[in-house]
Amino acid sequence: MKLNLLSCDAQRPDRRAIAKCMAEISSNIGGSLANELTEILLEGDAVDIEVDDKNTASALRSLRKLNIDYEILE
């Protein structure tokens, strides 16, 4: 499943937690790329990631806990 991460609405976003979440839920993102994508997301640009189908429910729950707005692309 592809997700488009639109923005983070947290008042004080936890950059490490967001990067860790991206690395855990995505099938093709490592630690350093997750850090770069987190910076891009927090600057206000959307980020596309691919999530394993077996982790979909927990991935979406994790994103909601971090106040990340997303849309499902497929």
PDB file of N, CA and C in Angstrom:
ATOM      1  N   MET A   1       0.840  -1.165   0.000  1.00  0.00           N
ATOM      2  CA  MET A   1       0.000   0.000   0.000  1.00  0.00           C
ATOM      3  C   MET A   1       0.889   1.234   0.000  1.00  0.00           C
ATOM      4  N   LYS A   2       0.502   2.237  -0.768  1.00  0.00           N
ATOM      5  CA  LYS A   2       1.243   3.488  -0.799  1.00  0.00           C
ATOM      6  C   LYS A   2       0.492   4.538   0.007  1.00  0.00           C
ATOM      7  N   LEU A   3       1.258   5.284   0.784  1.00  0.00           N
ATOM      8  CA  LEU A   3       0.709   6.376   1.580  1.00  0.00           C
ATOM      9  C   LEU A   3       1.386   7.673   1.197  1.00  0.00           C
ATOM     10  N   ASN A   4       0.623   8.730   1.216  1.00  0.00           N
ATOM     11  CA  ASN A   4       1.162  10.065   1.012  1.00  0.00           C
ATOM     12  C   ASN A   4       1.057  10.773   2.353  1.00  0.00           C
ATOM     13  N   LEU A   5       2.180  11.014   2.996  1.00  0.00           N
ATOM     14  CA  LEU A   5       2.196  11.717   4.280  1.00  0.00           C
ATOM     15  C   LEU A   5       2.132  13.205   3.975  1.00  0.00           C
ATOM     16  N   LEU A   6       1.065  13.846   4.420  1.00  0.00           N
ATOM     17  CA  LEU A   6       0.799  15.226   4.039  1.00  0.00           C
ATOM     18  C   LEU A   6       1.428  16.253   4.972  1.00  0.00           C
ATOM     19  N   SER A   7       1.247  16.059   6.276  1.00  0.00           N
ATOM     20  CA  SER A   7       1.768  17.031   7.236  1.00  0.00           C
ATOM     21  C   SER A   7       1.763  16.434   8.629  1.00  0.00           C
ATOM     22  N   CYS A   8       2.441  17.126   9.534  1.00  0.00           N
ATOM     23  CA  CYS A   8       2.448  16.733  10.943  1.00  0.00           C
ATOM     24  C   CYS A   8       1.879  17.900  11.736  1.00  0.00           C
ATOM     25  N   ASP A   9       0.775  17.647  12.432  1.00  0.00           N
ATOM     26  CA  ASP A   9       0.083  18.702  13.161  1.00  0.00           C
ATOM     27  C   ASP A   9       0.462  18.790  14.637  1.00  0.00           C
ATOM     28  N   ALA A  10       1.455  18.023  15.051  1.00  0.00           N
ATOM     29  CA  ALA A  10       1.870  18.058  16.452  1.00  0.00           C
ATOM     30  C   ALA A  10       2.467  19.425  16.778  1.00  0.00           C
ATOM     31  N   GLN A  11       2.191  19.890  17.979  1.00  0.00           N
ATOM     32  CA  GLN A  11       2.710  21.188  18.381  1.00  0.00           C
ATOM     33  C   GLN A  11       4.240  21.153  18.490  1.00  0.00           C
ATOM     34  N   ARG A  12       4.762  20.087  19.064  1.00  0.00           N
ATOM     35  CA  ARG A  12       6.217  19.890  19.155  1.00  0.00           C
ATOM     36  C   ARG A  12       6.528  18.489  18.631  1.00  0.00           C
ATOM     37  N   PRO A  13       6.688  18.339  17.306  1.00  0.00           N
ATOM     38  CA  PRO A  13       6.884  17.007  16.729  1.00  0.00           C
ATOM     39  C   PRO A  13       8.191  16.364  17.196  1.00  0.00           C
ATOM     40  N   ASP A  14       8.127  15.085  17.482  1.00  0.00           N
ATOM     41  CA  ASP A  14       9.287  14.306  17.903  1.00  0.00           C
ATOM     42  C   ASP A  14       9.939  13.718  16.648  1.00  0.00           C
ATOM     43  N   ARG A  15      11.002  14.356  16.187  1.00  0.00           N
ATOM     44  CA  ARG A  15      11.654  13.964  14.939  1.00  0.00           C
ATOM     45  C   ARG A  15      12.161  12.519  14.979  1.00  0.00           C
ATOM     46  N   ARG A  16      12.734  12.128  16.085  1.00  0.00           N
ATOM     47  CA  ARG A  16      13.248  10.752  16.189  1.00  0.00           C
ATOM     48  C   ARG A  16      12.131   9.732  16.130  1.00  0.00           C
ATOM     49  N   ALA A  17      11.028  10.001  16.798  1.00  0.00           N
ATOM     50  CA  ALA A  17       9.893   9.071  16.790  1.00  0.00           C
ATOM     51  C   ALA A  17       9.277   8.960  15.394  1.00  0.00           C
ATOM     52  N   ILE A  18       9.195  10.079  14.687  1.00  0.00           N
ATOM     53  CA  ILE A  18       8.645  10.058  13.328  1.00  0.00           C
ATOM     54  C   ILE A  18       9.559   9.273  12.404  1.00  0.00           C
ATOM     55  N   ALA A  19      10.859   9.522  12.466  1.00  0.00           N
ATOM     56  CA  ALA A  19      11.815   8.798  11.624  1.00  0.00           C
ATOM     57  C   ALA A  19      11.807   7.305  11.934  1.00  0.00           C
ATOM     58  N   LYS A  20      11.750   6.971  13.205  1.00  0.00           N
ATOM     59  CA  LYS A  20      11.703   5.563  13.611  1.00  0.00           C
ATOM     60  C   LYS A  20      10.437   4.896  13.092  1.00  0.00           C
ATOM     61  N   CYS A  21       9.325   5.585  13.188  1.00  0.00           N
ATOM     62  CA  CYS A  21       8.051   5.059  12.701  1.00  0.00           C
ATOM     63  C   CYS A  21       8.120   4.816  11.198  1.00  0.00           C
ATOM     64  N   MET A  22       8.651   5.769  10.457  1.00  0.00           N
ATOM     65  CA  MET A  22       8.774   5.603   8.998  1.00  0.00           C
ATOM     66  C   MET A  22       9.638   4.402   8.650  1.00  0.00           C
ATOM     67  N   ALA A  23      10.757   4.258   9.334  1.00  0.00           N
ATOM     68  CA  ALA A  23      11.665   3.144   9.055  1.00  0.00           C
ATOM     69  C   ALA A  23      11.017   1.803   9.394  1.00  0.00           C
ATOM     70  N   GLU A  24      10.211   1.760  10.451  1.00  0.00           N
ATOM     71  CA  GLU A  24       9.582   0.503  10.862  1.00  0.00           C
ATOM     72  C   GLU A  24       8.426   0.095   9.963  1.00  0.00           C
ATOM     73  N   ILE A  25       7.612   1.050   9.544  1.00  0.00           N
ATOM     74  CA  ILE A  25       6.418   0.686   8.779  1.00  0.00           C
ATOM     75  C   ILE A  25       6.672   0.560   7.283  1.00  0.00           C
ATOM     76  N   SER A  26       7.735   1.172   6.790  1.00  0.00           N
ATOM     77  CA  SER A  26       7.982   1.162   5.356  1.00  0.00           C
ATOM     78  C   SER A  26       8.799  -0.052   4.939  1.00  0.00           C
ATOM     79  N   SER A  27       8.513  -0.516   3.744  1.00  0.00           N
ATOM     80  CA  SER A  27       9.218  -1.694   3.241  1.00  0.00           C
ATOM     81  C   SER A  27      10.555  -1.352   2.599  1.00  0.00           C
ATOM     82  N   ASN A  28      10.803  -0.080   2.311  1.00  0.00           N
ATOM     83  CA  ASN A  28      12.025   0.267   1.578  1.00  0.00           C
ATOM     84  C   ASN A  28      12.744   1.504   2.103  1.00  0.00           C
ATOM     85  N   ILE A  29      12.550   1.843   3.373  1.00  0.00           N
ATOM     86  CA  ILE A  29      13.200   3.027   3.940  1.00  0.00           C
ATOM     87  C   ILE A  29      14.096   2.609   5.099  1.00  0.00           C
ATOM     88  N   GLY A  30      15.343   3.055   5.047  1.00  0.00           N
ATOM     89  CA  GLY A  30      16.286   2.810   6.129  1.00  0.00           C
ATOM     90  C   GLY A  30      16.341   4.001   7.067  1.00  0.00           C
ATOM     91  N   GLY A  31      17.224   3.935   8.043  1.00  0.00           N
ATOM     92  CA  GLY A  31      17.318   4.974   9.065  1.00  0.00           C
ATOM     93  C   GLY A  31      17.677   6.347   8.553  1.00  0.00           C
ATOM     94  N   SER A  32      18.706   6.451   7.717  1.00  0.00           N
ATOM     95  CA  SER A  32      19.137   7.773   7.250  1.00  0.00           C
ATOM     96  C   SER A  32      18.121   8.384   6.293  1.00  0.00           C
ATOM     97  N   LEU A  33      17.516   7.565   5.445  1.00  0.00           N
ATOM     98  CA  LEU A  33      16.482   8.074   4.543  1.00  0.00           C
ATOM     99  C   LEU A  33      15.253   8.507   5.342  1.00  0.00           C
ATOM    100  N   ALA A  34      14.929   7.781   6.387  1.00  0.00           N
ATOM    101  CA  ALA A  34      13.798   8.157   7.241  1.00  0.00           C
ATOM    102  C   ALA A  34      14.041   9.515   7.893  1.00  0.00           C
ATOM    103  N   ASN A  35      15.271   9.783   8.304  1.00  0.00           N
ATOM    104  CA  ASN A  35      15.605  11.090   8.885  1.00  0.00           C
ATOM    105  C   ASN A  35      15.418  12.206   7.855  1.00  0.00           C
ATOM    106  N   GLU A  36      15.874  11.967   6.628  1.00  0.00           N
ATOM    107  CA  GLU A  36      15.725  12.971   5.569  1.00  0.00           C
ATOM    108  C   GLU A  36      14.255  13.210   5.245  1.00  0.00           C
ATOM    109  N   LEU A  37      13.474  12.135   5.152  1.00  0.00           N
ATOM    110  CA  LEU A  37      12.051  12.273   4.846  1.00  0.00           C
ATOM    111  C   LEU A  37      11.297  12.971   5.971  1.00  0.00           C
ATOM    112  N   THR A  38      11.727  12.748   7.203  1.00  0.00           N
ATOM    113  CA  THR A  38      11.120  13.433   8.346  1.00  0.00           C
ATOM    114  C   THR A  38      11.342  14.941   8.239  1.00  0.00           C
ATOM    115  N   GLU A  39      12.553  15.339   7.893  1.00  0.00           N
ATOM    116  CA  GLU A  39      12.849  16.765   7.722  1.00  0.00           C
ATOM    117  C   GLU A  39      11.985  17.365   6.617  1.00  0.00           C
ATOM    118  N   ILE A  40      11.839  16.653   5.515  1.00  0.00           N
ATOM    119  CA  ILE A  40      11.017  17.129   4.402  1.00  0.00           C
ATOM    120  C   ILE A  40       9.569  17.281   4.845  1.00  0.00           C
ATOM    121  N   LEU A  41       9.058  16.288   5.565  1.00  0.00           N
ATOM    122  CA  LEU A  41       7.677  16.324   6.049  1.00  0.00           C
ATOM    123  C   LEU A  41       7.460  17.501   6.990  1.00  0.00           C
ATOM    124  N   LEU A  42       8.381  17.721   7.903  1.00  0.00           N
ATOM    125  CA  LEU A  42       8.223  18.793   8.889  1.00  0.00           C
ATOM    126  C   LEU A  42       8.401  20.181   8.280  1.00  0.00           C
ATOM    127  N   GLU A  43       9.058  20.244   7.120  1.00  0.00           N
ATOM    128  CA  GLU A  43       9.175  21.527   6.419  1.00  0.00           C
ATOM    129  C   GLU A  43       7.893  21.870   5.667  1.00  0.00           C
ATOM    130  N   GLY A  44       6.976  20.902   5.552  1.00  0.00           N
ATOM    131  CA  GLY A  44       5.691  21.180   4.932  1.00  0.00           C
ATOM    132  C   GLY A  44       5.435  20.499   3.607  1.00  0.00           C
ATOM    133  N   ASP A  45       6.376  19.710   3.120  1.00  0.00           N
ATOM    134  CA  ASP A  45       6.188  19.006   1.860  1.00  0.00           C
ATOM    135  C   ASP A  45       5.676  17.593   2.115  1.00  0.00           C
ATOM    136  N   ALA A  46       4.891  17.086   1.171  1.00  0.00           N
ATOM    137  CA  ALA A  46       4.354  15.730   1.283  1.00  0.00           C
ATOM    138  C   ALA A  46       5.435  14.699   0.970  1.00  0.00           C
ATOM    139  N   VAL A  47       5.292  13.512   1.565  1.00  0.00           N
ATOM    140  CA  VAL A  47       6.244  12.422   1.394  1.00  0.00           C
ATOM    141  C   VAL A  47       5.471  11.150   1.063  1.00  0.00           C
ATOM    142  N   ASP A  48       5.911  10.430   0.029  1.00  0.00           N
ATOM    143  CA  ASP A  48       5.291   9.149  -0.331  1.00  0.00           C
ATOM    144  C   ASP A  48       6.104   8.013   0.256  1.00  0.00           C
ATOM    145  N   ILE A  49       5.416   7.054   0.882  1.00  0.00           N
ATOM    146  CA  ILE A  49       6.092   5.860   1.389  1.00  0.00           C
ATOM    147  C   ILE A  49       5.271   4.630   1.022  1.00  0.00           C
ATOM    148  N   GLU A  50       5.920   3.490   0.992  1.00  0.00           N
ATOM    149  CA  GLU A  50       5.255   2.214   0.725  1.00  0.00           C
ATOM    150  C   GLU A  50       5.230   1.416   2.025  1.00  0.00           C
ATOM    151  N   VAL A  51       4.058   0.884   2.365  1.00  0.00           N
ATOM    152  CA  VAL A  51       3.865   0.140   3.600  1.00  0.00           C
ATOM    153  C   VAL A  51       3.534  -1.306   3.260  1.00  0.00           C
ATOM    154  N   ASP A  52       4.140  -2.241   4.005  1.00  0.00           N
ATOM    155  CA  ASP A  52       3.795  -3.654   3.825  1.00  0.00           C
ATOM    156  C   ASP A  52       2.327  -3.861   4.143  1.00  0.00           C
ATOM    157  N   ASP A  53       1.644  -4.667   3.336  1.00  0.00           N
ATOM    158  CA  ASP A  53       0.210  -4.896   3.531  1.00  0.00           C
ATOM    159  C   ASP A  53      -0.105  -5.537   4.885  1.00  0.00           C
ATOM    160  N   LYS A  54       0.797  -6.355   5.401  1.00  0.00           N
ATOM    161  CA  LYS A  54       0.528  -7.000   6.686  1.00  0.00           C
ATOM    162  C   LYS A  54       0.637  -6.033   7.863  1.00  0.00           C
ATOM    163  N   ASN A  55       1.269  -4.877   7.661  1.00  0.00           N
ATOM    164  CA  ASN A  55       1.449  -3.893   8.734  1.00  0.00           C
ATOM    165  C   ASN A  55       0.533  -2.684   8.605  1.00  0.00           C
ATOM    166  N   THR A  56      -0.448  -2.745   7.732  1.00  0.00           N
ATOM    167  CA  THR A  56      -1.240  -1.571   7.414  1.00  0.00           C
ATOM    168  C   THR A  56      -1.951  -0.974   8.624  1.00  0.00           C
ATOM    169  N   ALA A  57      -2.684  -1.767   9.368  1.00  0.00           N
ATOM    170  CA  ALA A  57      -3.454  -1.244  10.502  1.00  0.00           C
ATOM    171  C   ALA A  57      -2.553  -0.623  11.563  1.00  0.00           C
ATOM    172  N   SER A  58      -1.477  -1.299  11.912  1.00  0.00           N
ATOM    173  CA  SER A  58      -0.575  -0.752  12.935  1.00  0.00           C
ATOM    174  C   SER A  58       0.168   0.473  12.411  1.00  0.00           C
ATOM    175  N   ALA A  59       0.475   0.496  11.114  1.00  0.00           N
ATOM    176  CA  ALA A  59       1.153   1.658  10.525  1.00  0.00           C
ATOM    177  C   ALA A  59       0.262   2.890  10.591  1.00  0.00           C
ATOM    178  N   LEU A  60      -0.999   2.735  10.229  1.00  0.00           N
ATOM    179  CA  LEU A  60      -1.921   3.868  10.259  1.00  0.00           C
ATOM    180  C   LEU A  60      -2.151   4.350  11.687  1.00  0.00           C
ATOM    181  N   ARG A  61      -2.224   3.430  12.623  1.00  0.00           N
ATOM    182  CA  ARG A  61      -2.385   3.793  14.040  1.00  0.00           C
ATOM    183  C   ARG A  61      -1.167   4.574  14.525  1.00  0.00           C
ATOM    184  N   SER A  62       0.019   4.132  14.149  1.00  0.00           N
ATOM    185  CA  SER A  62       1.251   4.819  14.561  1.00  0.00           C
ATOM    186  C   SER A  62       1.308   6.235  14.004  1.00  0.00           C
ATOM    187  N   LEU A  63       0.887   6.406  12.765  1.00  0.00           N
ATOM    188  CA  LEU A  63       0.895   7.734  12.154  1.00  0.00           C
ATOM    189  C   LEU A  63      -0.108   8.661  12.848  1.00  0.00           C
ATOM    190  N   ARG A  64      -1.264   8.134  13.198  1.00  0.00           N
ATOM    191  CA  ARG A  64      -2.259   8.954  13.902  1.00  0.00           C
ATOM    192  C   ARG A  64      -1.749   9.371  15.281  1.00  0.00           C
ATOM    193  N   LYS A  65      -1.037   8.478  15.973  1.00  0.00           N
ATOM    194  CA  LYS A  65      -0.492   8.807  17.295  1.00  0.00           C
ATOM    195  C   LYS A  65       0.519   9.942  17.210  1.00  0.00           C
ATOM    196  N   LEU A  66       1.228  10.024  16.085  1.00  0.00           N
ATOM    197  CA  LEU A  66       2.227  11.074  15.888  1.00  0.00           C
ATOM    198  C   LEU A  66       1.631  12.333  15.252  1.00  0.00           C
ATOM    199  N   ASN A  67       0.299  12.370  15.107  1.00  0.00           N
ATOM    200  CA  ASN A  67      -0.413  13.508  14.502  1.00  0.00           C
ATOM    201  C   ASN A  67       0.029  13.782  13.074  1.00  0.00           C
ATOM    202  N   ILE A  68       0.248  12.723  12.317  1.00  0.00           N
ATOM    203  CA  ILE A  68       0.634  12.858  10.913  1.00  0.00           C
ATOM    204  C   ILE A  68      -0.607  12.633  10.054  1.00  0.00           C
ATOM    205  N   ASP A  69      -0.924  13.618   9.230  1.00  0.00           N
ATOM    206  CA  ASP A  69      -2.030  13.494   8.282  1.00  0.00           C
ATOM    207  C   ASP A  69      -1.525  12.731   7.064  1.00  0.00           C
ATOM    208  N   TYR A  70      -2.346  11.824   6.563  1.00  0.00           N
ATOM    209  CA  TYR A  70      -1.948  11.012   5.428  1.00  0.00           C
ATOM    210  C   TYR A  70      -3.129  10.749   4.528  1.00  0.00           C
ATOM    211  N   GLU A  71      -2.838  10.307   3.309  1.00  0.00           N
ATOM    212  CA  GLU A  71      -3.870   9.810   2.415  1.00  0.00           C
ATOM    213  C   GLU A  71      -3.380   8.518   1.806  1.00  0.00           C
ATOM    214  N   ILE A  72      -4.308   7.609   1.568  1.00  0.00           N
ATOM    215  CA  ILE A  72      -3.977   6.316   0.991  1.00  0.00           C
ATOM    216  C   ILE A  72      -4.032   6.445  -0.523  1.00  0.00           C
ATOM    217  N   LEU A  73      -2.930   6.108  -1.181  1.00  0.00           N
ATOM    218  CA  LEU A  73      -2.867   6.217  -2.635  1.00  0.00           C
ATOM    219  C   LEU A  73      -3.314   4.956  -3.323  1.00  0.00           C
ATOM    220  N   GLU A  74      -2.976   3.780  -2.783  1.00  0.00           N
ATOM    221  CA  GLU A  74      -3.441   2.502  -3.337  1.00  0.00           C
ATOM    222  C   GLU A  74      -3.445   1.428  -2.288  1.00  0.00           C
TER     223      GLU A  74
END
